[in-house]
Amino acid sequence: MKKLWKNKMFKYGLIGIILLVLGAAGFLGYYRLARAQGVISSYEINEELKDKPNVYKAVIYTQDRAFKNEVIDEVKRNLVDENIYLKVEPVEEIAENKVEDWDKIIILSTVQSSDPPKPALDYINKHKGEEKLSVYLTADSGVWSKDPGYLDVTTAASKSENVTVFSRKIKEFLLN
């Protein structure tokens, strides 16, 4: 081994491989952190309608990310004159949701490692036949590669031109 280590070609090659591996690991770590989704704080839209009779009640389970916040802001602007109370909740709390408490349930989340977050995926699988449920996923590729096919899922890349695509589809779902 000492002879091998004295060989400059071997030494520089080994050091180069180690630096390449460390660089790749650093890049992947940075990429993963940059794509991490934040946890949103709960809030309400059209809060004044909450306890009124004959009000449509909906919930959006989402994450704190600029694109998703823009989508919800546009939905909010579009629902100003509608008889819809909307609660925005962190996707991590979806397991606590009771389907019967809502007229519509929306999941606006991100595909990471080929699936939405585990709580959302578990909820989707548990309530796959539920007509009250609508799923909207962002993915860099624009598709959910593991889409099970039994859901109507809207998937697109989180680019500014897709804000209107998502908000329009969410509004249509809420109004129908």
N, C-alpha and C. Protein backbone atom coordinates (compact mmCIF):
# COMPACT_ATOMS: atom_id res chain seq x y z
N MET A 1 0.82 -1.18 0.00
CA MET A 1 0.00 0.00 0.00
C MET A 1 0.87 1.25 0.00
N LYS A 2 2.00 1.21 0.74
CA LYS A 2 2.87 2.38 0.78
C LYS A 2 3.40 2.70 -0.61
N LYS A 3 3.70 1.64 -1.39
CA LYS A 3 4.19 1.86 -2.74
C LYS A 3 3.13 2.52 -3.60
N LEU A 4 1.91 2.04 -3.43
CA LEU A 4 0.79 2.58 -4.19
C LEU A 4 0.57 4.06 -3.84
N TRP A 5 0.68 4.39 -2.55
CA TRP A 5 0.45 5.76 -2.11
C TRP A 5 1.54 6.70 -2.62
N LYS A 6 2.72 6.20 -2.87
CA LYS A 6 3.80 7.03 -3.39
C LYS A 6 3.60 7.35 -4.87
N ASN A 7 2.77 6.59 -5.52
CA ASN A 7 2.47 6.83 -6.92
C ASN A 7 1.57 8.07 -7.02
N LYS A 8 2.09 9.15 -7.66
CA LYS A 8 1.35 10.42 -7.75
C LYS A 8 0.01 10.25 -8.46
N MET A 9 -0.02 9.46 -9.52
CA MET A 9 -1.24 9.27 -10.29
C MET A 9 -2.33 8.65 -9.40
N PHE A 10 -1.96 7.65 -8.63
CA PHE A 10 -2.91 6.99 -7.73
C PHE A 10 -3.39 7.96 -6.67
N LYS A 11 -2.45 8.70 -6.04
CA LYS A 11 -2.78 9.62 -4.96
C LYS A 11 -3.74 10.71 -5.44
N TYR A 12 -3.42 11.35 -6.56
CA TYR A 12 -4.27 12.42 -7.08
C TYR A 12 -5.60 11.87 -7.58
N GLY A 13 -5.59 10.69 -8.14
CA GLY A 13 -6.84 10.05 -8.59
C GLY A 13 -7.77 9.77 -7.42
N LEU A 14 -7.21 9.21 -6.33
CA LEU A 14 -8.00 8.91 -5.15
C LEU A 14 -8.54 10.18 -4.52
N ILE A 15 -7.70 11.19 -4.40
CA ILE A 15 -8.14 12.48 -3.85
C ILE A 15 -9.24 13.08 -4.73
N GLY A 16 -9.07 12.98 -6.04
CA GLY A 16 -10.07 13.49 -6.98
C GLY A 16 -11.41 12.78 -6.82
N ILE A 17 -11.38 11.46 -6.67
CA ILE A 17 -12.62 10.70 -6.49
C ILE A 17 -13.30 11.08 -5.19
N ILE A 18 -12.52 11.22 -4.12
CA ILE A 18 -13.08 11.62 -2.83
C ILE A 18 -13.72 13.00 -2.92
N LEU A 19 -13.04 13.95 -3.56
CA LEU A 19 -13.60 15.30 -3.72
C LEU A 19 -14.87 15.28 -4.57
N LEU A 20 -14.88 14.45 -5.61
CA LEU A 20 -16.06 14.32 -6.47
C LEU A 20 -17.25 13.77 -5.69
N VAL A 21 -17.02 12.75 -4.89
CA VAL A 21 -18.09 12.16 -4.07
C VAL A 21 -18.60 13.17 -3.05
N LEU A 22 -17.69 13.87 -2.37
CA LEU A 22 -18.10 14.88 -1.40
C LEU A 22 -18.87 16.02 -2.07
N GLY A 23 -18.41 16.44 -3.24
CA GLY A 23 -19.11 17.49 -3.98
C GLY A 23 -20.52 17.06 -4.38
N ALA A 24 -20.63 15.85 -4.88
CA ALA A 24 -21.95 15.33 -5.28
C ALA A 24 -22.87 15.23 -4.07
N ALA A 25 -22.36 14.74 -2.95
CA ALA A 25 -23.16 14.63 -1.73
C ALA A 25 -23.60 16.02 -1.25
N GLY A 26 -22.70 16.97 -1.32
CA GLY A 26 -23.03 18.33 -0.94
C GLY A 26 -24.10 18.93 -1.83
N PHE A 27 -23.98 18.71 -3.14
CA PHE A 27 -24.98 19.21 -4.07
C PHE A 27 -26.34 18.58 -3.80
N LEU A 28 -26.38 17.28 -3.62
CA LEU A 28 -27.65 16.59 -3.36
C LEU A 28 -28.27 17.06 -2.04
N GLY A 29 -27.43 17.26 -1.03
CA GLY A 29 -27.93 17.78 0.24
C GLY A 29 -28.51 19.18 0.08
N TYR A 30 -27.81 20.04 -0.63
CA TYR A 30 -28.30 21.39 -0.89
C TYR A 30 -29.61 21.35 -1.68
N TYR A 31 -29.66 20.53 -2.72
CA TYR A 31 -30.86 20.42 -3.56
C TYR A 31 -32.04 19.99 -2.71
N ARG A 32 -31.84 19.00 -1.85
CA ARG A 32 -32.91 18.49 -1.00
C ARG A 32 -33.39 19.59 -0.04
N LEU A 33 -32.46 20.32 0.56
CA LEU A 33 -32.84 21.40 1.47
C LEU A 33 -33.55 22.54 0.74
N ALA A 34 -33.09 22.85 -0.46
CA ALA A 34 -33.70 23.92 -1.23
C ALA A 34 -35.12 23.57 -1.64
N ARG A 35 -35.40 22.30 -1.79
CA ARG A 35 -36.73 21.83 -2.20
C ARG A 35 -37.63 21.50 -1.02
N ALA A 36 -37.10 21.61 0.19
CA ALA A 36 -37.90 21.28 1.38
C ALA A 36 -39.07 22.23 1.48
N GLN A 37 -40.20 21.68 1.85
CA GLN A 37 -41.42 22.46 1.97
C GLN A 37 -41.61 22.88 3.42
N GLY A 38 -42.04 24.11 3.62
CA GLY A 38 -42.28 24.59 4.96
C GLY A 38 -43.64 24.17 5.48
N VAL A 39 -43.85 24.35 6.76
CA VAL A 39 -45.13 24.04 7.39
C VAL A 39 -45.91 25.34 7.50
N ILE A 40 -47.08 25.35 6.90
CA ILE A 40 -47.91 26.55 6.88
C ILE A 40 -48.67 26.70 8.19
N SER A 41 -48.95 27.92 8.58
CA SER A 41 -49.80 28.18 9.75
C SER A 41 -51.24 28.20 9.28
N SER A 42 -52.13 27.65 10.08
CA SER A 42 -53.56 27.61 9.73
C SER A 42 -54.13 29.02 9.64
N TYR A 43 -55.03 29.22 8.68
CA TYR A 43 -55.77 30.47 8.59
C TYR A 43 -57.06 30.23 7.83
N GLU A 44 -57.94 31.23 7.83
CA GLU A 44 -59.26 31.09 7.22
C GLU A 44 -59.47 32.15 6.15
N ILE A 45 -60.25 31.77 5.16
CA ILE A 45 -60.66 32.68 4.09
C ILE A 45 -62.18 32.77 4.15
N ASN A 46 -62.71 33.97 4.07
CA ASN A 46 -64.14 34.24 4.23
C ASN A 46 -64.59 33.78 5.63
N GLU A 47 -63.79 34.12 6.61
CA GLU A 47 -63.99 33.71 8.00
C GLU A 47 -65.36 34.12 8.54
N GLU A 48 -65.86 35.25 8.06
CA GLU A 48 -67.16 35.75 8.55
C GLU A 48 -68.32 34.82 8.19
N LEU A 49 -68.11 33.91 7.24
CA LEU A 49 -69.16 32.97 6.83
C LEU A 49 -69.17 31.67 7.62
N LYS A 50 -68.17 31.47 8.44
CA LYS A 50 -67.94 30.18 9.11
C LYS A 50 -69.18 29.59 9.78
N ASP A 51 -69.90 30.37 10.55
CA ASP A 51 -71.02 29.85 11.33
C ASP A 51 -72.38 30.15 10.72
N LYS A 52 -72.42 30.68 9.52
CA LYS A 52 -73.69 30.99 8.89
C LYS A 52 -74.28 29.72 8.26
N PRO A 53 -75.61 29.64 8.23
CA PRO A 53 -76.23 28.46 7.61
C PRO A 53 -76.08 28.48 6.08
N ASN A 54 -76.15 27.33 5.48
CA ASN A 54 -76.08 27.16 4.03
C ASN A 54 -74.80 27.68 3.40
N VAL A 55 -73.73 27.64 4.16
CA VAL A 55 -72.42 28.05 3.65
C VAL A 55 -71.65 26.79 3.27
N TYR A 56 -71.03 26.86 2.13
CA TYR A 56 -70.17 25.77 1.66
C TYR A 56 -68.87 25.82 2.46
N LYS A 57 -68.46 24.68 3.02
CA LYS A 57 -67.24 24.66 3.83
C LYS A 57 -66.20 23.76 3.16
N ALA A 58 -65.00 24.32 3.00
CA ALA A 58 -63.91 23.59 2.35
C ALA A 58 -62.62 23.76 3.13
N VAL A 59 -61.71 22.81 2.94
CA VAL A 59 -60.41 22.87 3.58
C VAL A 59 -59.33 22.59 2.54
N ILE A 60 -58.24 23.31 2.63
CA ILE A 60 -57.07 23.06 1.77
C ILE A 60 -55.92 22.65 2.69
N TYR A 61 -55.38 21.47 2.41
CA TYR A 61 -54.18 21.01 3.11
C TYR A 61 -53.00 21.29 2.21
N THR A 62 -52.04 22.06 2.71
CA THR A 62 -50.95 22.50 1.85
C THR A 62 -49.65 22.65 2.64
N GLN A 63 -48.66 23.21 1.95
CA GLN A 63 -47.34 23.45 2.53
C GLN A 63 -46.98 24.92 2.32
N ASP A 64 -46.04 25.40 3.11
CA ASP A 64 -45.61 26.79 3.01
C ASP A 64 -44.50 26.89 1.98
N ARG A 65 -44.87 27.29 0.81
CA ARG A 65 -43.93 27.48 -0.30
C ARG A 65 -44.50 28.60 -1.17
N ALA A 66 -43.66 29.43 -1.72
CA ALA A 66 -44.11 30.61 -2.46
C ALA A 66 -45.15 30.29 -3.53
N PHE A 67 -44.92 29.26 -4.32
CA PHE A 67 -45.86 28.92 -5.39
C PHE A 67 -47.24 28.58 -4.82
N LYS A 68 -47.28 27.74 -3.82
CA LYS A 68 -48.56 27.32 -3.24
C LYS A 68 -49.26 28.50 -2.57
N ASN A 69 -48.49 29.37 -1.94
CA ASN A 69 -49.07 30.57 -1.34
C ASN A 69 -49.68 31.48 -2.40
N GLU A 70 -49.04 31.58 -3.56
CA GLU A 70 -49.59 32.38 -4.66
C GLU A 70 -50.89 31.77 -5.17
N VAL A 71 -50.93 30.45 -5.29
CA VAL A 71 -52.15 29.76 -5.74
C VAL A 71 -53.29 30.07 -4.78
N ILE A 72 -53.04 29.92 -3.48
CA ILE A 72 -54.09 30.15 -2.49
C ILE A 72 -54.51 31.62 -2.47
N ASP A 73 -53.57 32.54 -2.64
CA ASP A 73 -53.91 33.96 -2.71
C ASP A 73 -54.84 34.24 -3.90
N GLU A 74 -54.55 33.61 -5.03
CA GLU A 74 -55.41 33.80 -6.21
C GLU A 74 -56.78 33.17 -5.99
N VAL A 75 -56.83 32.00 -5.36
CA VAL A 75 -58.11 31.37 -5.02
C VAL A 75 -58.90 32.31 -4.11
N LYS A 76 -58.22 32.88 -3.14
CA LYS A 76 -58.86 33.80 -2.20
C LYS A 76 -59.48 34.99 -2.94
N ARG A 77 -58.74 35.57 -3.87
CA ARG A 77 -59.27 36.70 -4.65
C ARG A 77 -60.48 36.27 -5.48
N ASN A 78 -60.46 35.04 -5.97
CA ASN A 78 -61.57 34.55 -6.80
C ASN A 78 -62.81 34.18 -5.98
N LEU A 79 -62.66 33.98 -4.68
CA LEU A 79 -63.79 33.54 -3.85
C LEU A 79 -64.39 34.66 -3.01
N VAL A 80 -63.93 35.88 -3.21
CA VAL A 80 -64.38 37.00 -2.40
C VAL A 80 -65.90 37.11 -2.37
N ASP A 81 -66.58 36.92 -3.48
CA ASP A 81 -68.03 37.09 -3.55
C ASP A 81 -68.79 35.77 -3.49
N GLU A 82 -68.11 34.69 -3.17
CA GLU A 82 -68.75 33.37 -3.12
C GLU A 82 -69.15 33.02 -1.69
N ASN A 83 -70.13 32.16 -1.57
CA ASN A 83 -70.64 31.72 -0.28
C ASN A 83 -69.85 30.49 0.19
N ILE A 84 -68.52 30.66 0.28
CA ILE A 84 -67.63 29.55 0.63
C ILE A 84 -66.70 29.97 1.76
N TYR A 85 -66.73 29.19 2.82
CA TYR A 85 -65.78 29.34 3.91
C TYR A 85 -64.64 28.36 3.62
N LEU A 86 -63.41 28.84 3.69
CA LEU A 86 -62.25 28.01 3.35
C LEU A 86 -61.23 28.07 4.47
N LYS A 87 -60.81 26.91 4.94
CA LYS A 87 -59.78 26.83 5.96
C LYS A 87 -58.52 26.27 5.32
N VAL A 88 -57.38 26.87 5.61
CA VAL A 88 -56.09 26.43 5.09
C VAL A 88 -55.34 25.80 6.26
N GLU A 89 -54.92 24.55 6.06
CA GLU A 89 -54.27 23.78 7.12
C GLU A 89 -52.96 23.17 6.61
N PRO A 90 -52.02 22.88 7.50
CA PRO A 90 -50.79 22.19 7.09
C PRO A 90 -51.11 20.76 6.66
N VAL A 91 -50.47 20.31 5.60
CA VAL A 91 -50.70 18.96 5.10
C VAL A 91 -50.35 17.91 6.15
N GLU A 92 -49.47 18.25 7.06
CA GLU A 92 -49.07 17.32 8.12
C GLU A 92 -50.23 16.97 9.05
N GLU A 93 -51.27 17.80 9.07
CA GLU A 93 -52.41 17.58 9.96
C GLU A 93 -53.59 16.90 9.27
N ILE A 94 -53.40 16.44 8.06
CA ILE A 94 -54.51 15.88 7.29
C ILE A 94 -55.12 14.64 7.92
N ALA A 95 -54.33 13.87 8.63
CA ALA A 95 -54.84 12.63 9.24
C ALA A 95 -55.95 12.92 10.26
N GLU A 96 -55.94 14.12 10.82
CA GLU A 96 -56.95 14.51 11.81
C GLU A 96 -58.26 14.93 11.16
N ASN A 97 -58.29 15.04 9.83
CA ASN A 97 -59.46 15.52 9.10
C ASN A 97 -60.57 14.47 9.09
N LYS A 98 -61.78 14.93 9.35
CA LYS A 98 -62.96 14.08 9.23
C LYS A 98 -63.69 14.50 7.96
N VAL A 99 -63.83 13.60 7.04
CA VAL A 99 -64.44 13.90 5.73
C VAL A 99 -65.81 14.54 5.89
N GLU A 100 -66.59 14.05 6.85
CA GLU A 100 -67.96 14.54 7.02
C GLU A 100 -68.03 15.99 7.49
N ASP A 101 -66.92 16.56 7.97
CA ASP A 101 -66.91 17.96 8.43
C ASP A 101 -66.85 18.97 7.30
N TRP A 102 -66.57 18.50 6.08
CA TRP A 102 -66.32 19.42 4.97
C TRP A 102 -67.15 19.06 3.74
N ASP A 103 -67.49 20.10 2.98
CA ASP A 103 -68.15 19.88 1.69
C ASP A 103 -67.13 19.53 0.62
N LYS A 104 -65.92 20.10 0.74
CA LYS A 104 -64.82 19.83 -0.21
C LYS A 104 -63.50 19.78 0.56
N ILE A 105 -62.63 18.88 0.11
CA ILE A 105 -61.30 18.73 0.70
C ILE A 105 -60.28 18.81 -0.43
N ILE A 106 -59.32 19.70 -0.29
CA ILE A 106 -58.32 19.91 -1.32
C ILE A 106 -56.94 19.64 -0.74
N ILE A 107 -56.15 18.90 -1.48
CA ILE A 107 -54.75 18.69 -1.12
C ILE A 107 -53.92 19.40 -2.17
N LEU A 108 -53.14 20.38 -1.74
CA LEU A 108 -52.23 21.13 -2.61
C LEU A 108 -50.83 20.90 -2.04
N SER A 109 -50.11 19.97 -2.65
CA SER A 109 -48.85 19.52 -2.06
C SER A 109 -47.80 19.33 -3.14
N THR A 110 -46.65 18.79 -2.72
CA THR A 110 -45.52 18.60 -3.61
C THR A 110 -45.16 17.13 -3.70
N VAL A 111 -44.75 16.72 -4.89
CA VAL A 111 -44.22 15.38 -5.08
C VAL A 111 -42.73 15.44 -4.75
N GLN A 112 -42.34 14.68 -3.73
CA GLN A 112 -40.93 14.56 -3.36
C GLN A 112 -40.61 13.09 -3.24
N SER A 113 -39.51 12.67 -3.79
CA SER A 113 -39.14 11.26 -3.80
C SER A 113 -40.26 10.43 -4.41
N SER A 114 -40.85 10.93 -5.48
CA SER A 114 -41.88 10.26 -6.29
C SER A 114 -43.26 10.18 -5.66
N ASP A 115 -43.49 10.74 -4.49
CA ASP A 115 -44.81 10.71 -3.87
C ASP A 115 -45.07 12.01 -3.11
N PRO A 116 -46.35 12.30 -2.86
CA PRO A 116 -46.65 13.41 -1.95
C PRO A 116 -46.20 13.04 -0.53
N PRO A 117 -46.24 13.98 0.41
CA PRO A 117 -45.86 13.64 1.78
C PRO A 117 -46.69 12.45 2.30
N LYS A 118 -46.09 11.65 3.15
CA LYS A 118 -46.74 10.42 3.63
C LYS A 118 -48.13 10.66 4.21
N PRO A 119 -48.34 11.69 5.07
CA PRO A 119 -49.70 11.88 5.59
C PRO A 119 -50.73 12.10 4.47
N ALA A 120 -50.33 12.87 3.46
CA ALA A 120 -51.24 13.13 2.33
C ALA A 120 -51.48 11.86 1.52
N LEU A 121 -50.43 11.10 1.25
CA LEU A 121 -50.56 9.87 0.48
C LEU A 121 -51.44 8.86 1.21
N ASP A 122 -51.25 8.73 2.52
CA ASP A 122 -52.09 7.82 3.31
C ASP A 122 -53.55 8.26 3.24
N TYR A 123 -53.79 9.56 3.35
CA TYR A 123 -55.16 10.09 3.29
C TYR A 123 -55.77 9.85 1.91
N ILE A 124 -55.00 10.09 0.87
CA ILE A 124 -55.47 9.87 -0.50
C ILE A 124 -55.87 8.41 -0.68
N ASN A 125 -55.02 7.50 -0.25
CA ASN A 125 -55.30 6.07 -0.39
C ASN A 125 -56.52 5.65 0.43
N LYS A 126 -56.70 6.23 1.60
CA LYS A 126 -57.82 5.89 2.47
C LYS A 126 -59.15 6.38 1.90
N HIS A 127 -59.12 7.53 1.22
CA HIS A 127 -60.35 8.16 0.74
C HIS A 127 -60.39 8.25 -0.79
N LYS A 128 -59.83 7.27 -1.46
CA LYS A 128 -59.70 7.33 -2.92
C LYS A 128 -61.02 7.42 -3.67
N GLY A 129 -62.10 6.94 -3.11
CA GLY A 129 -63.38 7.01 -3.80
C GLY A 129 -64.21 8.23 -3.42
N GLU A 130 -63.68 9.06 -2.60
CA GLU A 130 -64.40 10.22 -2.07
C GLU A 130 -64.47 11.33 -3.11
N GLU A 131 -65.71 11.72 -3.49
CA GLU A 131 -65.89 12.79 -4.48
C GLU A 131 -65.58 14.17 -3.93
N LYS A 132 -65.56 14.30 -2.61
CA LYS A 132 -65.26 15.59 -1.97
C LYS A 132 -63.78 15.93 -2.07
N LEU A 133 -62.95 14.95 -2.43
CA LEU A 133 -61.50 15.11 -2.40
C LEU A 133 -60.96 15.47 -3.79
N SER A 134 -60.11 16.48 -3.82
CA SER A 134 -59.44 16.86 -5.05
C SER A 134 -57.96 17.08 -4.74
N VAL A 135 -57.09 16.58 -5.62
CA VAL A 135 -55.65 16.59 -5.36
C VAL A 135 -54.93 17.42 -6.43
N TYR A 136 -54.04 18.30 -5.97
CA TYR A 136 -53.24 19.17 -6.83
C TYR A 136 -51.79 19.04 -6.37
N LEU A 137 -50.93 18.56 -7.24
CA LEU A 137 -49.55 18.31 -6.87
C LEU A 137 -48.59 19.09 -7.75
N THR A 138 -47.56 19.64 -7.13
CA THR A 138 -46.50 20.27 -7.89
C THR A 138 -45.34 19.29 -7.97
N ALA A 139 -44.71 19.27 -9.11
CA ALA A 139 -43.53 18.42 -9.33
C ALA A 139 -42.68 19.07 -10.38
N ASP A 140 -41.38 19.05 -10.18
CA ASP A 140 -40.48 19.66 -11.16
C ASP A 140 -40.70 19.09 -12.55
N SER A 141 -40.96 17.79 -12.62
CA SER A 141 -41.17 17.14 -13.91
C SER A 141 -42.55 17.42 -14.47
N GLY A 142 -43.45 17.92 -13.64
CA GLY A 142 -44.81 18.19 -14.09
C GLY A 142 -45.72 16.97 -14.01
N VAL A 143 -45.22 15.85 -13.52
CA VAL A 143 -46.04 14.64 -13.41
C VAL A 143 -45.76 13.93 -12.08
N TRP A 144 -46.75 13.17 -11.64
CA TRP A 144 -46.58 12.30 -10.49
C TRP A 144 -46.35 10.92 -11.05
N SER A 145 -45.11 10.49 -11.03
CA SER A 145 -44.74 9.24 -11.71
C SER A 145 -45.43 8.01 -11.12
N LYS A 146 -45.85 8.08 -9.87
CA LYS A 146 -46.52 6.94 -9.25
C LYS A 146 -48.03 7.15 -9.15
N ASP A 147 -48.59 8.04 -9.96
CA ASP A 147 -50.03 8.30 -9.93
C ASP A 147 -50.77 6.96 -10.05
N PRO A 148 -51.59 6.61 -9.06
CA PRO A 148 -52.24 5.30 -9.08
C PRO A 148 -53.32 5.16 -10.14
N GLY A 149 -53.75 6.27 -10.72
CA GLY A 149 -54.71 6.19 -11.81
C GLY A 149 -56.16 6.23 -11.38
N TYR A 150 -56.47 6.00 -10.11
CA TYR A 150 -57.86 6.00 -9.67
C TYR A 150 -58.29 7.38 -9.15
N LEU A 151 -57.44 8.37 -9.29
CA LEU A 151 -57.73 9.71 -8.81
C LEU A 151 -57.70 10.72 -9.95
N ASP A 152 -58.46 11.77 -9.78
CA ASP A 152 -58.33 12.89 -10.70
C ASP A 152 -57.34 13.85 -10.05
N VAL A 153 -56.11 13.81 -10.54
CA VAL A 153 -55.03 14.60 -9.95
C VAL A 153 -54.55 15.62 -10.97
N THR A 154 -54.43 16.87 -10.54
CA THR A 154 -53.84 17.90 -11.38
C THR A 154 -52.39 18.04 -10.94
N THR A 155 -51.47 17.85 -11.87
CA THR A 155 -50.05 17.94 -11.55
C THR A 155 -49.37 18.86 -12.55
N ALA A 156 -48.51 19.72 -12.06
CA ALA A 156 -47.74 20.63 -12.92
C ALA A 156 -46.52 21.10 -12.16
N ALA A 157 -45.57 21.63 -12.89
CA ALA A 157 -44.38 22.20 -12.27
C ALA A 157 -44.77 23.49 -11.55
N SER A 158 -44.07 23.81 -10.47
CA SER A 158 -44.39 25.03 -9.73
C SER A 158 -43.71 26.23 -10.37
N LYS A 159 -44.26 26.60 -11.52
CA LYS A 159 -43.79 27.78 -12.26
C LYS A 159 -44.90 28.82 -12.22
N SER A 160 -44.54 30.08 -12.27
CA SER A 160 -45.54 31.15 -12.13
C SER A 160 -46.68 31.05 -13.14
N GLU A 161 -46.40 30.54 -14.34
CA GLU A 161 -47.48 30.43 -15.33
C GLU A 161 -48.51 29.36 -14.95
N ASN A 162 -48.19 28.50 -13.97
CA ASN A 162 -49.12 27.46 -13.54
C ASN A 162 -49.96 27.87 -12.33
N VAL A 163 -49.72 29.04 -11.77
CA VAL A 163 -50.52 29.52 -10.65
C VAL A 163 -51.98 29.57 -11.07
N THR A 164 -52.26 30.17 -12.21
CA THR A 164 -53.63 30.30 -12.69
C THR A 164 -54.24 28.94 -13.04
N VAL A 165 -53.44 28.03 -13.55
CA VAL A 165 -53.94 26.68 -13.86
C VAL A 165 -54.48 26.03 -12.59
N PHE A 166 -53.69 26.06 -11.53
CA PHE A 166 -54.12 25.46 -10.26
C PHE A 166 -55.30 26.22 -9.66
N SER A 167 -55.20 27.54 -9.56
CA SER A 167 -56.26 28.31 -8.90
C SER A 167 -57.58 28.19 -9.65
N ARG A 168 -57.55 28.18 -10.98
CA ARG A 168 -58.77 28.02 -11.77
C ARG A 168 -59.42 26.66 -11.51
N LYS A 169 -58.60 25.60 -11.51
CA LYS A 169 -59.13 24.25 -11.28
C LYS A 169 -59.67 24.10 -9.86
N ILE A 170 -59.00 24.70 -8.89
CA ILE A 170 -59.48 24.64 -7.51
C ILE A 170 -60.81 25.37 -7.39
N LYS A 171 -60.92 26.54 -8.01
CA LYS A 171 -62.18 27.31 -7.97
C LYS A 171 -63.29 26.49 -8.63
N GLU A 172 -63.02 25.90 -9.77
CA GLU A 172 -64.04 25.07 -10.45
C GLU A 172 -64.49 23.93 -9.55
N PHE A 173 -63.54 23.28 -8.89
CA PHE A 173 -63.87 22.19 -7.99
C PHE A 173 -64.75 22.68 -6.84
N LEU A 174 -64.41 23.82 -6.26
CA LEU A 174 -65.16 24.36 -5.14
C LEU A 174 -66.57 24.78 -5.53
N LEU A 175 -66.74 25.26 -6.74
CA LEU A 175 -68.04 25.77 -7.17
C LEU A 175 -68.95 24.70 -7.76
N ASN A 176 -68.42 23.53 -8.03
CA ASN A 176 -69.27 22.46 -8.61
C ASN A 176 -69.69 21.45 -7.57
